[in-house]
Structures are given as structure tokens and as C-alpha cells.
C-alpha atoms as a PDB file:
ATOM      1  CA  MET A   1     111.702  92.429  84.391  1.00  0.00           C
ATOM      2  CA  SER A   2     109.932  95.690  84.599  1.00  0.00           C
ATOM      3  CA  SER A   3     108.334  96.466  88.256  1.00  0.00           C
ATOM      4  CA  GLU A   4     105.631  98.843  86.988  1.00  0.00           C
ATOM      5  CA  LYS A   5     102.354  97.804  87.699  1.00  0.00           C
ATOM      6  CA  PRO A   6      99.758  97.263  84.849  1.00  0.00           C
ATOM      7  CA  LYS A   7      97.045 100.090  84.221  1.00  0.00           C
ATOM      8  CA  LEU A   8      93.991  99.623  85.143  1.00  0.00           C
ATOM      9  CA  ASP A   9      90.821 100.333  83.019  1.00  0.00           C
ATOM     10  CA  VAL A  10      88.078 102.209  84.452  1.00  0.00           C
ATOM     11  CA  LYS A  11      85.911  99.133  85.293  1.00  0.00           C
ATOM     12  CA  GLU A  12      88.735  97.641  87.168  1.00  0.00           C
ATOM     13  CA  LYS A  13      89.533 101.110  88.721  1.00  0.00           C
ATOM     14  CA  ALA A  14      85.506 101.357  89.983  1.00  0.00           C
ATOM     15  CA  VAL A  15      85.405  97.766  91.318  1.00  0.00           C
ATOM     16  CA  LYS A  16      89.292  97.998  93.211  1.00  0.00           C
ATOM     17  CA  TYR A  17      88.818 101.982  94.385  1.00  0.00           C
ATOM     18  CA  GLY A  18      84.990 102.755  94.221  1.00  0.00           C
ATOM     19  CA  PRO A  19      82.685 102.251  97.080  1.00  0.00           C
ATOM     20  CA  LYS A  20      81.871  98.958  98.905  1.00  0.00           C
ATOM     21  CA  LYS A  21      78.450 100.025 100.301  1.00  0.00           C
ATOM     22  CA  PRO A  22      75.341 100.952  98.213  1.00  0.00           C
ATOM     23  CA  ASN A  23      74.472 104.876  97.804  1.00  0.00           C
ATOM     24  CA  LYS A  24      77.954 105.812  98.538  1.00  0.00           C
ATOM     25  CA  PHE A  25      80.364 108.244  96.572  1.00  0.00           C
ATOM     26  CA  ILE A  26      84.101 108.173  96.574  1.00  0.00           C
ATOM     27  CA  LEU A  27      85.469 111.621  95.240  1.00  0.00           C
ATOM     28  CA  TRP A  28      88.720 112.964  94.716  1.00  0.00           C
ATOM     29  CA  ILE A  29      90.350 116.178  93.254  1.00  0.00           C
ATOM     30  CA  ASN A  30      91.861 115.651  89.912  1.00  0.00           C
ATOM     31  CA  ARG A  31      95.571 116.174  90.488  1.00  0.00           C
ATOM     32  CA  PHE A  32      96.064 116.571  86.597  1.00  0.00           C
ATOM     33  CA  LYS A  33      93.865 119.372  86.046  1.00  0.00           C
ATOM     34  CA  LYS A  34      96.565 122.293  85.952  1.00  0.00           C
ATOM     35  CA  SER A  35      94.352 125.446  85.088  1.00  0.00           C
ATOM     36  CA  PRO A  36      91.031 126.618  84.952  1.00  0.00           C
ATOM     37  CA  GLU A  37      90.772 126.736  81.558  1.00  0.00           C
ATOM     38  CA  ASP A  38      91.626 123.019  81.075  1.00  0.00           C
ATOM     39  CA  THR A  39      88.545 120.575  80.165  1.00  0.00           C
ATOM     40  CA  GLN A  40      89.077 118.123  82.520  1.00  0.00           C
ATOM     41  CA  PRO A  41      86.678 117.630  85.265  1.00  0.00           C
ATOM     42  CA  SER A  42      87.871 119.286  89.132  1.00  0.00           C
ATOM     43  CA  ILE A  43      86.282 116.365  90.718  1.00  0.00           C
ATOM     44  CA  GLN A  44      86.166 112.737  89.824  1.00  0.00           C
ATOM     45  CA  GLY A  45      85.408 109.410  91.221  1.00  0.00           C
ATOM     46  CA  PHE A  46      82.672 106.526  91.663  1.00  0.00           C
ATOM     47  CA  TYR A  47      79.248 106.185  92.837  1.00  0.00           C
ATOM     48  CA  GLN A  48      77.405 102.815  93.847  1.00  0.00           C
ATOM     49  CA  ASP A  49      73.377 102.869  93.557  1.00  0.00           C
ATOM     50  CA  LYS A  50      71.209 100.543  95.911  1.00  0.00           C
ATOM     51  CA  GLU A  51      71.521  97.759  93.169  1.00  0.00           C
ATOM     52  CA  ARG A  52      75.003  98.012  93.593  1.00  0.00           C
ATOM     53  CA  ASN A  53      75.802  99.160  89.879  1.00  0.00           C
ATOM     54  CA  LEU A  54      78.749 101.330  89.465  1.00  0.00           C
ATOM     55  CA  PHE A  55      78.968 104.905  87.846  1.00  0.00           C
ATOM     56  CA  LYS A  56      81.853 107.189  86.952  1.00  0.00           C
ATOM     57  CA  VAL A  57      81.303 110.785  88.117  1.00  0.00           C
ATOM     58  CA  ALA A  58      82.975 113.640  86.755  1.00  0.00           C
ATOM     59  CA  ILE A  59      82.129 117.162  88.422  1.00  0.00           C
ATOM     60  CA  TRP A  60      83.531 120.904  87.060  1.00  0.00           C
ATOM     61  CA  LYS A  61      83.782 123.821  89.038  1.00  0.00           C
ATOM     62  CA  ASN A  62      82.598 126.914  87.212  1.00  0.00           C
ATOM     63  CA  THR A  63      81.905 130.643  87.781  1.00  0.00           C
ATOM     64  CA  ASN A  64      79.108 132.605  85.978  1.00  0.00           C
ATOM     65  CA  ASP A  65      79.110 136.294  85.091  1.00  0.00           C
ATOM     66  CA  ASP A  66      78.502 137.402  88.465  1.00  0.00           C
ATOM     67  CA  GLY A  67      81.351 135.595  90.173  1.00  0.00           C
ATOM     68  CA  SER A  68      79.315 132.823  91.924  1.00  0.00           C
ATOM     69  CA  VAL A  69      80.622 129.526  91.984  1.00  0.00           C
ATOM     70  CA  TYR A  70      78.479 126.484  90.793  1.00  0.00           C
ATOM     71  CA  PHE A  71      79.197 122.913  90.061  1.00  0.00           C
ATOM     72  CA  ASN A  72      77.784 120.530  87.259  1.00  0.00           C
ATOM     73  CA  GLY A  73      78.729 117.225  86.681  1.00  0.00           C
ATOM     74  CA  SER A  74      78.026 113.962  84.754  1.00  0.00           C
ATOM     75  CA  MET A  75      77.370 110.071  85.729  1.00  0.00           C
ATOM     76  CA  GLU A  76      78.361 107.276  83.387  1.00  0.00           C
ATOM     77  CA  ASP A  77      76.825 103.980  83.798  1.00  0.00           C
ATOM     78  CA  LEU A  78      80.026 101.457  83.586  1.00  0.00           C
ATOM     79  CA  GLY A  79      77.716  98.323  83.283  1.00  0.00           C
ATOM     80  CA  VAL A  80      79.350  96.583  86.036  1.00  0.00           C
ATOM     81  CA  LYS A  81      78.393  95.489  89.664  1.00  0.00           C
ATOM     82  CA  GLN A  82      80.485  95.700  92.934  1.00  0.00           C
ATOM     83  CA  ASN A  83      81.166  92.361  94.027  1.00  0.00           C
ATOM     84  CA  VAL A  84      78.315  90.838  96.189  1.00  0.00           C
ATOM     85  CA  TYR A  85      79.734  88.318  98.743  1.00  0.00           C
ATOM     86  CA  GLU A  86      77.281  85.531  99.357  1.00  0.00           C
ATOM     87  CA  MET A  87      76.592  85.253 103.084  1.00  0.00           C
ATOM     88  CA  PRO A  88      77.469  81.940 104.527  1.00  0.00           C
ATOM     89  CA  LYS A  89      74.266  79.440 105.503  1.00  0.00           C
ATOM     90  CA  PRO A  90      74.126  78.834 109.087  1.00  0.00           C
ATOM     91  CA  GLN A  91      74.812  75.212 109.713  1.00  0.00           C
ATOM     92  CA  PRO A  92      72.378  73.368 112.061  1.00  0.00           C
ATOM     93  CA  LYS A  93      73.896  73.005 115.568  1.00  0.00           C
ATOM     94  CA  PRO A  94      74.445  69.275 116.313  1.00  0.00           C
ATOM     95  CA  VAL A  95      72.223  68.032 118.876  1.00  0.00           C
ATOM     96  CA  GLU A  96      73.692  66.374 122.010  1.00  0.00           C
ATOM     97  CA  LYS A  97      72.161  62.830 122.397  1.00  0.00           C
ATOM     98  CA  THR A  98      72.184  62.133 126.142  1.00  0.00           C
ATOM     99  CA  GLU A  99      70.151  59.232 125.853  1.00  0.00           C
ATOM    100  CA  THR A 100      68.359  57.148 123.034  1.00  0.00           C
ATOM    101  CA  LEU A 101      64.797  55.533 122.774  1.00  0.00           C
ATOM    102  CA  ASP A 102      66.655  52.013 123.359  1.00  0.00           C
ATOM    103  CA  ASP A 103      67.208  53.180 127.073  1.00  0.00           C
ATOM    104  CA  ASP A 104      63.499  53.445 127.583  1.00  0.00           C
ATOM    105  CA  ILE A 105      62.447  50.329 126.352  1.00  0.00           C
ATOM    106  CA  PRO A 106      62.814  47.333 128.913  1.00  0.00           C
ATOM    107  CA  TYR A 107      63.902  43.900 127.660  1.00  0.00           C
END
């Protein structure tokens, strides 16, 4: 029996590792990029907008002719929403009955 974990696809990774609050990014350095000439993004991660839609983010570090560093990137809509948990509805508190109407009626 293999102890390897199954590989997650991009949508499953976004739900598991992505931001849990709206308008947040989670970014990390791409550890598989070996050289500046490599076409893989320098930074990658996930973004969640205010409607809780998840996006895949890729950012490349570049230099122009005069040596200035700049970043450019892309965002890909994954078509999935982050889990929205239903808030529990408050239960009405039981009213303590200290007396009833029958106690007020004389017999």
C-alpha cells in the first residue's frame, strides 16, 4: 500500500491553501524556477475577491534595458468559490414561567 498523497488539481489547491477571507492574496516564491531565463512565474498564489471567487495568480520578475526591475503578472479565474459557512441562527431563549394565568383567577 502506497503512503503517497494524491496530487491536488489547481481548484482543490485553491480551496485548501487559498485565502479564507475576501480581498486577500496568498503568494509564495516558486521553488521550481531554476534560472531567470526559465518561463515559470517567479511568484505564484491565489486571490479571493469580495464575492469569494478564487483566482490563480502568477507574477514574473523582469528587468528592462536600463536595469530597472519590474513585475508583471496574470490572474486566472478558477470558477470556484471559497467555502461559505452558514452562520447558525440564534435560538430564542426559553422564557421562565414563574406564574401562570390560572394563578390570577379566583375559584
